[in-house]
Amino acid sequence: MLLDALIYSKNLNRYLKPVKQLIELPKKLKLIRSFKNWTQEEVAEKLGISTHAYAKIERGETDVNLSRLQQIAKVMDIADTPHPN
């Protein structure tokens, strides 16, 4: 029983890790933007979206598809490969 619980827990963590990273995404975007001394307006303009739409991304109020994530990574000049940890 304990072994089953540990196996389940280990497998669950494998699936929860990407979810945790997505939850942290808005904080990371804001941090990177701030580090670059960019406003939300500047990032939104580079992405070709409204400031309101970008602000919702930074607040985690909207889903972001892979294409948009890649676009953000390119605009912010950050790697689009996953971190090893």
PDB file of N, CA and C in Angstrom:
ATOM      1  N   MET A   1       0.825  -1.191   0.000  1.00  0.00           N
ATOM      2  CA  MET A   1       0.000   0.000   0.000  1.00  0.00           C
ATOM      3  C   MET A   1       0.869   1.255   0.000  1.00  0.00           C
ATOM      4  N   LEU A   2       1.866   1.299   0.884  1.00  0.00           N
ATOM      5  CA  LEU A   2       2.758   2.456   0.949  1.00  0.00           C
ATOM      6  C   LEU A   2       3.547   2.590  -0.347  1.00  0.00           C
ATOM      7  N   LEU A   3       4.001   1.449  -0.877  1.00  0.00           N
ATOM      8  CA  LEU A   3       4.749   1.466  -2.134  1.00  0.00           C
ATOM      9  C   LEU A   3       3.886   2.021  -3.262  1.00  0.00           C
ATOM     10  N   ASP A   4       2.633   1.600  -3.317  1.00  0.00           N
ATOM     11  CA  ASP A   4       1.716   2.115  -4.336  1.00  0.00           C
ATOM     12  C   ASP A   4       1.542   3.622  -4.206  1.00  0.00           C
ATOM     13  N   ALA A   5       1.429   4.089  -2.975  1.00  0.00           N
ATOM     14  CA  ALA A   5       1.273   5.523  -2.732  1.00  0.00           C
ATOM     15  C   ALA A   5       2.516   6.288  -3.179  1.00  0.00           C
ATOM     16  N   LEU A   6       3.693   5.740  -2.911  1.00  0.00           N
ATOM     17  CA  LEU A   6       4.940   6.396  -3.320  1.00  0.00           C
ATOM     18  C   LEU A   6       5.074   6.440  -4.839  1.00  0.00           C
ATOM     19  N   ILE A   7       4.730   5.339  -5.483  1.00  0.00           N
ATOM     20  CA  ILE A   7       4.796   5.296  -6.947  1.00  0.00           C
ATOM     21  C   ILE A   7       3.823   6.308  -7.532  1.00  0.00           C
ATOM     22  N   TYR A   8       2.611   6.342  -7.001  1.00  0.00           N
ATOM     23  CA  TYR A   8       1.611   7.293  -7.469  1.00  0.00           C
ATOM     24  C   TYR A   8       2.107   8.721  -7.262  1.00  0.00           C
ATOM     25  N   SER A   9       2.667   8.982  -6.090  1.00  0.00           N
ATOM     26  CA  SER A   9       3.170  10.312  -5.772  1.00  0.00           C
ATOM     27  C   SER A   9       4.290  10.715  -6.724  1.00  0.00           C
ATOM     28  N   LYS A  10       5.196   9.793  -7.006  1.00  0.00           N
ATOM     29  CA  LYS A  10       6.320  10.072  -7.899  1.00  0.00           C
ATOM     30  C   LYS A  10       5.814  10.377  -9.307  1.00  0.00           C
ATOM     31  N   ASN A  11       4.864   9.578  -9.782  1.00  0.00           N
ATOM     32  CA  ASN A  11       4.295   9.810 -11.106  1.00  0.00           C
ATOM     33  C   ASN A  11       3.508  11.108 -11.150  1.00  0.00           C
ATOM     34  N   LEU A  12       2.814  11.410 -10.093  1.00  0.00           N
ATOM     35  CA  LEU A  12       2.030  12.636 -10.032  1.00  0.00           C
ATOM     36  C   LEU A  12       2.935  13.854 -10.107  1.00  0.00           C
ATOM     37  N   ASN A  13       4.073  13.808  -9.417  1.00  0.00           N
ATOM     38  CA  ASN A  13       5.014  14.927  -9.460  1.00  0.00           C
ATOM     39  C   ASN A  13       5.512  15.194 -10.873  1.00  0.00           C
ATOM     40  N   ARG A  14       5.679  14.141 -11.645  1.00  0.00           N
ATOM     41  CA  ARG A  14       6.129  14.302 -13.030  1.00  0.00           C
ATOM     42  C   ARG A  14       5.126  15.142 -13.819  1.00  0.00           C
ATOM     43  N   TYR A  15       3.844  14.966 -13.525  1.00  0.00           N
ATOM     44  CA  TYR A  15       2.817  15.710 -14.240  1.00  0.00           C
ATOM     45  C   TYR A  15       2.565  17.082 -13.628  1.00  0.00           C
ATOM     46  N   LEU A  16       2.805  17.214 -12.340  1.00  0.00           N
ATOM     47  CA  LEU A  16       2.552  18.489 -11.683  1.00  0.00           C
ATOM     48  C   LEU A  16       3.658  19.510 -11.924  1.00  0.00           C
ATOM     49  N   LYS A  17       4.868  19.060 -12.221  1.00  0.00           N
ATOM     50  CA  LYS A  17       5.984  19.981 -12.429  1.00  0.00           C
ATOM     51  C   LYS A  17       5.682  20.988 -13.542  1.00  0.00           C
ATOM     52  N   PRO A  18       5.212  20.555 -14.723  1.00  0.00           N
ATOM     53  CA  PRO A  18       4.880  21.544 -15.754  1.00  0.00           C
ATOM     54  C   PRO A  18       3.761  22.488 -15.324  1.00  0.00           C
ATOM     55  N   VAL A  19       2.814  21.989 -14.545  1.00  0.00           N
ATOM     56  CA  VAL A  19       1.728  22.838 -14.055  1.00  0.00           C
ATOM     57  C   VAL A  19       2.286  23.906 -13.126  1.00  0.00           C
ATOM     58  N   LYS A  20       3.187  23.510 -12.234  1.00  0.00           N
ATOM     59  CA  LYS A  20       3.813  24.465 -11.323  1.00  0.00           C
ATOM     60  C   LYS A  20       4.565  25.533 -12.106  1.00  0.00           C
ATOM     61  N   GLN A  21       5.277  25.117 -13.151  1.00  0.00           N
ATOM     62  CA  GLN A  21       6.017  26.075 -13.962  1.00  0.00           C
ATOM     63  C   GLN A  21       5.077  27.052 -14.649  1.00  0.00           C
ATOM     64  N   LEU A  22       3.923  26.584 -15.099  1.00  0.00           N
ATOM     65  CA  LEU A  22       2.955  27.481 -15.723  1.00  0.00           C
ATOM     66  C   LEU A  22       2.389  28.468 -14.720  1.00  0.00           C
ATOM     67  N   ILE A  23       2.197  28.020 -13.486  1.00  0.00           N
ATOM     68  CA  ILE A  23       1.691  28.912 -12.451  1.00  0.00           C
ATOM     69  C   ILE A  23       2.708  30.007 -12.165  1.00  0.00           C
ATOM     70  N   GLU A  24       3.996  29.663 -12.224  1.00  0.00           N
ATOM     71  CA  GLU A  24       5.052  30.629 -11.954  1.00  0.00           C
ATOM     72  C   GLU A  24       5.326  31.539 -13.145  1.00  0.00           C
ATOM     73  N   LEU A  25       4.828  31.204 -14.317  1.00  0.00           N
ATOM     74  CA  LEU A  25       5.112  31.960 -15.528  1.00  0.00           C
ATOM     75  C   LEU A  25       4.804  33.451 -15.401  1.00  0.00           C
ATOM     76  N   PRO A  26       3.631  33.847 -14.930  1.00  0.00           N
ATOM     77  CA  PRO A  26       3.361  35.283 -14.834  1.00  0.00           C
ATOM     78  C   PRO A  26       4.397  36.035 -13.993  1.00  0.00           C
ATOM     79  N   LYS A  27       4.795  35.460 -12.871  1.00  0.00           N
ATOM     80  CA  LYS A  27       5.804  36.105 -12.024  1.00  0.00           C
ATOM     81  C   LYS A  27       7.122  36.252 -12.766  1.00  0.00           C
ATOM     82  N   LYS A  28       7.494  35.205 -13.491  1.00  0.00           N
ATOM     83  CA  LYS A  28       8.757  35.226 -14.229  1.00  0.00           C
ATOM     84  C   LYS A  28       8.721  36.260 -15.347  1.00  0.00           C
ATOM     85  N   LEU A  29       7.604  36.352 -16.051  1.00  0.00           N
ATOM     86  CA  LEU A  29       7.493  37.339 -17.121  1.00  0.00           C
ATOM     87  C   LEU A  29       7.630  38.756 -16.578  1.00  0.00           C
ATOM     88  N   LYS A  30       6.966  39.014 -15.469  1.00  0.00           N
ATOM     89  CA  LYS A  30       7.047  40.349 -14.872  1.00  0.00           C
ATOM     90  C   LYS A  30       8.474  40.646 -14.419  1.00  0.00           C
ATOM     91  N   LEU A  31       9.130  39.669 -13.824  1.00  0.00           N
ATOM     92  CA  LEU A  31      10.503  39.850 -13.357  1.00  0.00           C
ATOM     93  C   LEU A  31      11.450  40.147 -14.524  1.00  0.00           C
ATOM     94  N   ILE A  32      11.335  39.386 -15.593  1.00  0.00           N
ATOM     95  CA  ILE A  32      12.195  39.602 -16.758  1.00  0.00           C
ATOM     96  C   ILE A  32      11.921  40.970 -17.373  1.00  0.00           C
ATOM     97  N   ARG A  33      10.652  41.314 -17.506  1.00  0.00           N
ATOM     98  CA  ARG A  33      10.288  42.617 -18.072  1.00  0.00           C
ATOM     99  C   ARG A  33      10.853  43.745 -17.225  1.00  0.00           C
ATOM    100  N   SER A  34      10.726  43.623 -15.921  1.00  0.00           N
ATOM    101  CA  SER A  34      11.248  44.643 -15.008  1.00  0.00           C
ATOM    102  C   SER A  34      12.767  44.735 -15.110  1.00  0.00           C
ATOM    103  N   PHE A  35      13.432  43.592 -15.196  1.00  0.00           N
ATOM    104  CA  PHE A  35      14.886  43.555 -15.316  1.00  0.00           C
ATOM    105  C   PHE A  35      15.350  44.296 -16.572  1.00  0.00           C
ATOM    106  N   LYS A  36      14.567  44.190 -17.635  1.00  0.00           N
ATOM    107  CA  LYS A  36      14.905  44.849 -18.892  1.00  0.00           C
ATOM    108  C   LYS A  36      14.434  46.304 -18.920  1.00  0.00           C
ATOM    109  N   ASN A  37      13.798  46.735 -17.833  1.00  0.00           N
ATOM    110  CA  ASN A  37      13.250  48.098 -17.747  1.00  0.00           C
ATOM    111  C   ASN A  37      12.247  48.384 -18.865  1.00  0.00           C
ATOM    112  N   TRP A  38      11.438  47.389 -19.183  1.00  0.00           N
ATOM    113  CA  TRP A  38      10.402  47.537 -20.191  1.00  0.00           C
ATOM    114  C   TRP A  38       9.057  47.713 -19.498  1.00  0.00           C
ATOM    115  N   THR A  39       8.188  48.456 -20.129  1.00  0.00           N
ATOM    116  CA  THR A  39       6.818  48.584 -19.635  1.00  0.00           C
ATOM    117  C   THR A  39       5.970  47.480 -20.277  1.00  0.00           C
ATOM    118  N   GLN A  40       4.806  47.266 -19.715  1.00  0.00           N
ATOM    119  CA  GLN A  40       3.877  46.312 -20.326  1.00  0.00           C
ATOM    120  C   GLN A  40       3.508  46.783 -21.730  1.00  0.00           C
ATOM    121  N   GLU A  41       3.396  48.090 -21.895  1.00  0.00           N
ATOM    122  CA  GLU A  41       3.052  48.650 -23.199  1.00  0.00           C
ATOM    123  C   GLU A  41       4.111  48.289 -24.246  1.00  0.00           C
ATOM    124  N   GLU A  42       5.385  48.380 -23.851  1.00  0.00           N
ATOM    125  CA  GLU A  42       6.471  48.064 -24.785  1.00  0.00           C
ATOM    126  C   GLU A  42       6.450  46.590 -25.187  1.00  0.00           C
ATOM    127  N   VAL A  43       6.253  45.720 -24.219  1.00  0.00           N
ATOM    128  CA  VAL A  43       6.212  44.286 -24.523  1.00  0.00           C
ATOM    129  C   VAL A  43       5.008  43.982 -25.411  1.00  0.00           C
ATOM    130  N   ALA A  44       3.873  44.540 -25.065  1.00  0.00           N
ATOM    131  CA  ALA A  44       2.660  44.307 -25.853  1.00  0.00           C
ATOM    132  C   ALA A  44       2.855  44.759 -27.297  1.00  0.00           C
ATOM    133  N   GLU A  45       3.477  45.905 -27.471  1.00  0.00           N
ATOM    134  CA  GLU A  45       3.721  46.417 -28.823  1.00  0.00           C
ATOM    135  C   GLU A  45       4.629  45.468 -29.605  1.00  0.00           C
ATOM    136  N   LYS A  46       5.683  44.966 -28.958  1.00  0.00           N
ATOM    137  CA  LYS A  46       6.599  44.030 -29.613  1.00  0.00           C
ATOM    138  C   LYS A  46       5.881  42.728 -29.991  1.00  0.00           C
ATOM    139  N   LEU A  47       4.895  42.344 -29.181  1.00  0.00           N
ATOM    140  CA  LEU A  47       4.137  41.114 -29.436  1.00  0.00           C
ATOM    141  C   LEU A  47       3.002  41.329 -30.430  1.00  0.00           C
ATOM    142  N   GLY A  48       2.656  42.596 -30.658  1.00  0.00           N
ATOM    143  CA  GLY A  48       1.551  42.896 -31.556  1.00  0.00           C
ATOM    144  C   GLY A  48       0.194  42.638 -30.931  1.00  0.00           C
ATOM    145  N   ILE A  49       0.126  42.787 -29.600  1.00  0.00           N
ATOM    146  CA  ILE A  49      -1.145  42.613 -28.891  1.00  0.00           C
ATOM    147  C   ILE A  49      -1.411  43.859 -28.056  1.00  0.00           C
ATOM    148  N   SER A  50      -2.601  43.956 -27.523  1.00  0.00           N
ATOM    149  CA  SER A  50      -2.935  45.115 -26.696  1.00  0.00           C
ATOM    150  C   SER A  50      -2.241  45.027 -25.342  1.00  0.00           C
ATOM    151  N   THR A  51      -2.068  46.184 -24.739  1.00  0.00           N
ATOM    152  CA  THR A  51      -1.486  46.230 -23.396  1.00  0.00           C
ATOM    153  C   THR A  51      -2.359  45.447 -22.429  1.00  0.00           C
ATOM    154  N   HIS A  52      -3.666  45.568 -22.588  1.00  0.00           N
ATOM    155  CA  HIS A  52      -4.608  44.855 -21.720  1.00  0.00           C
ATOM    156  C   HIS A  52      -4.402  43.342 -21.837  1.00  0.00           C
ATOM    157  N   ALA A  53      -4.235  42.858 -23.067  1.00  0.00           N
ATOM    158  CA  ALA A  53      -4.035  41.414 -23.278  1.00  0.00           C
ATOM    159  C   ALA A  53      -2.734  40.952 -22.630  1.00  0.00           C
ATOM    160  N   TYR A  54      -1.664  41.744 -22.773  1.00  0.00           N
ATOM    161  CA  TYR A  54      -0.397  41.345 -22.159  1.00  0.00           C
ATOM    162  C   TYR A  54      -0.492  41.407 -20.637  1.00  0.00           C
ATOM    163  N   ALA A  55      -1.151  42.415 -20.117  1.00  0.00           N
ATOM    164  CA  ALA A  55      -1.305  42.534 -18.661  1.00  0.00           C
ATOM    165  C   ALA A  55      -2.023  41.307 -18.105  1.00  0.00           C
ATOM    166  N   LYS A  56      -3.021  40.806 -18.831  1.00  0.00           N
ATOM    167  CA  LYS A  56      -3.730  39.598 -18.396  1.00  0.00           C
ATOM    168  C   LYS A  56      -2.799  38.389 -18.383  1.00  0.00           C
ATOM    169  N   ILE A  57      -1.877  38.324 -19.331  1.00  0.00           N
ATOM    170  CA  ILE A  57      -0.899  37.225 -19.352  1.00  0.00           C
ATOM    171  C   ILE A  57      -0.025  37.315 -18.112  1.00  0.00           C
ATOM    172  N   GLU A  58       0.455  38.526 -17.809  1.00  0.00           N
ATOM    173  CA  GLU A  58       1.335  38.716 -16.651  1.00  0.00           C
ATOM    174  C   GLU A  58       0.632  38.452 -15.325  1.00  0.00           C
ATOM    175  N   ARG A  59      -0.662  38.652 -15.303  1.00  0.00           N
ATOM    176  CA  ARG A  59      -1.419  38.387 -14.070  1.00  0.00           C
ATOM    177  C   ARG A  59      -1.900  36.939 -13.999  1.00  0.00           C
ATOM    178  N   GLY A  60      -1.669  36.179 -15.048  1.00  0.00           N
ATOM    179  CA  GLY A  60      -2.094  34.782 -15.064  1.00  0.00           C
ATOM    180  C   GLY A  60      -3.582  34.622 -15.262  1.00  0.00           C
ATOM    181  N   GLU A  61      -4.206  35.602 -15.873  1.00  0.00           N
ATOM    182  CA  GLU A  61      -5.659  35.584 -16.047  1.00  0.00           C
ATOM    183  C   GLU A  61      -6.100  35.020 -17.393  1.00  0.00           C
ATOM    184  N   THR A  62      -5.150  34.603 -18.203  1.00  0.00           N
ATOM    185  CA  THR A  62      -5.493  34.057 -19.510  1.00  0.00           C
ATOM    186  C   THR A  62      -4.561  32.900 -19.845  1.00  0.00           C
ATOM    187  N   ASP A  63      -5.072  31.955 -20.601  1.00  0.00           N
ATOM    188  CA  ASP A  63      -4.239  30.841 -21.047  1.00  0.00           C
ATOM    189  C   ASP A  63      -3.305  31.324 -22.150  1.00  0.00           C
ATOM    190  N   VAL A  64      -2.101  30.795 -22.151  1.00  0.00           N
ATOM    191  CA  VAL A  64      -1.111  31.170 -23.154  1.00  0.00           C
ATOM    192  C   VAL A  64      -0.734  29.914 -23.931  1.00  0.00           C
ATOM    193  N   ASN A  65      -0.947  29.948 -25.239  1.00  0.00           N
ATOM    194  CA  ASN A  65      -0.607  28.771 -26.041  1.00  0.00           C
ATOM    195  C   ASN A  65       0.888  28.746 -26.346  1.00  0.00           C
ATOM    196  N   LEU A  66       1.347  27.630 -26.881  1.00  0.00           N
ATOM    197  CA  LEU A  66       2.771  27.436 -27.138  1.00  0.00           C
ATOM    198  C   LEU A  66       3.312  28.482 -28.106  1.00  0.00           C
ATOM    199  N   SER A  67       2.548  28.798 -29.116  1.00  0.00           N
ATOM    200  CA  SER A  67       2.981  29.790 -30.098  1.00  0.00           C
ATOM    201  C   SER A  67       3.236  31.144 -29.436  1.00  0.00           C
ATOM    202  N   ARG A  68       2.336  31.541 -28.552  1.00  0.00           N
ATOM    203  CA  ARG A  68       2.490  32.823 -27.851  1.00  0.00           C
ATOM    204  C   ARG A  68       3.691  32.764 -26.905  1.00  0.00           C
ATOM    205  N   LEU A  69       3.880  31.634 -26.223  1.00  0.00           N
ATOM    206  CA  LEU A  69       5.040  31.492 -25.337  1.00  0.00           C
ATOM    207  C   LEU A  69       6.342  31.628 -26.115  1.00  0.00           C
ATOM    208  N   GLN A  70       6.394  31.018 -27.286  1.00  0.00           N
ATOM    209  CA  GLN A  70       7.590  31.120 -28.117  1.00  0.00           C
ATOM    210  C   GLN A  70       7.811  32.554 -28.577  1.00  0.00           C
ATOM    211  N   GLN A  71       6.735  33.236 -28.903  1.00  0.00           N
ATOM    212  CA  GLN A  71       6.824  34.637 -29.320  1.00  0.00           C
ATOM    213  C   GLN A  71       7.348  35.502 -28.171  1.00  0.00           C
ATOM    214  N   ILE A  72       6.833  35.275 -26.972  1.00  0.00           N
ATOM    215  CA  ILE A  72       7.282  36.025 -25.796  1.00  0.00           C
ATOM    216  C   ILE A  72       8.758  35.751 -25.536  1.00  0.00           C
ATOM    217  N   ALA A  73       9.157  34.483 -25.634  1.00  0.00           N
ATOM    218  CA  ALA A  73      10.560  34.118 -25.411  1.00  0.00           C
ATOM    219  C   ALA A  73      11.466  34.831 -26.407  1.00  0.00           C
ATOM    220  N   LYS A  74      11.030  34.906 -27.644  1.00  0.00           N
ATOM    221  CA  LYS A  74      11.830  35.576 -28.679  1.00  0.00           C
ATOM    222  C   LYS A  74      11.922  37.074 -28.400  1.00  0.00           C
ATOM    223  N   VAL A  75      10.793  37.694 -28.100  1.00  0.00           N
ATOM    224  CA  VAL A  75      10.763  39.135 -27.829  1.00  0.00           C
ATOM    225  C   VAL A  75      11.622  39.484 -26.622  1.00  0.00           C
ATOM    226  N   MET A  76      11.543  38.661 -25.579  1.00  0.00           N
ATOM    227  CA  MET A  76      12.293  38.945 -24.350  1.00  0.00           C
ATOM    228  C   MET A  76      13.720  38.404 -24.402  1.00  0.00           C
ATOM    229  N   ASP A  77      14.062  37.749 -25.517  1.00  0.00           N
ATOM    230  CA  ASP A  77      15.395  37.195 -25.720  1.00  0.00           C
ATOM    231  C   ASP A  77      15.766  36.224 -24.603  1.00  0.00           C
ATOM    232  N   ILE A  78      14.852  35.286 -24.365  1.00  0.00           N
ATOM    233  CA  ILE A  78      15.103  34.242 -23.370  1.00  0.00           C
ATOM    234  C   ILE A  78      15.002  32.891 -24.056  1.00  0.00           C
ATOM    235  N   ALA A  79      15.693  31.914 -23.517  1.00  0.00           N
ATOM    236  CA  ALA A  79      15.700  30.576 -24.106  1.00  0.00           C
ATOM    237  C   ALA A  79      14.313  29.974 -24.046  1.00  0.00           C
ATOM    238  N   ASP A  80      13.935  29.294 -25.109  1.00  0.00           N
ATOM    239  CA  ASP A  80      12.642  28.608 -25.104  1.00  0.00           C
ATOM    240  C   ASP A  80      12.801  27.124 -24.809  1.00  0.00           C
ATOM    241  N   THR A  81      13.979  26.738 -24.319  1.00  0.00           N
ATOM    242  CA  THR A  81      14.186  25.357 -23.902  1.00  0.00           C
ATOM    243  C   THR A  81      13.950  25.253 -22.407  1.00  0.00           C
ATOM    244  N   PRO A  82      13.419  24.131 -21.945  1.00  0.00           N
ATOM    245  CA  PRO A  82      13.131  23.996 -20.514  1.00  0.00           C
ATOM    246  C   PRO A  82      14.393  23.983 -19.663  1.00  0.00           C
ATOM    247  N   HIS A  83      14.259  24.495 -18.467  1.00  0.00           N
ATOM    248  CA  HIS A  83      15.347  24.488 -17.490  1.00  0.00           C
ATOM    249  C   HIS A  83      15.512  23.062 -16.987  1.00  0.00           C
ATOM    250  N   PRO A  84      16.743  22.601 -16.774  1.00  0.00           N
ATOM    251  CA  PRO A  84      16.947  21.205 -16.357  1.00  0.00           C
ATOM    252  C   PRO A  84      16.347  20.854 -15.008  1.00  0.00           C
ATOM    253  N   ASN A  85      16.111  21.809 -14.134  1.00  0.00           N
ATOM    254  CA  ASN A  85      15.552  21.498 -12.812  1.00  0.00           C
ATOM    255  C   ASN A  85      14.095  21.580 -12.893  1.00  0.00           C
TER     256      ASN A  85
END
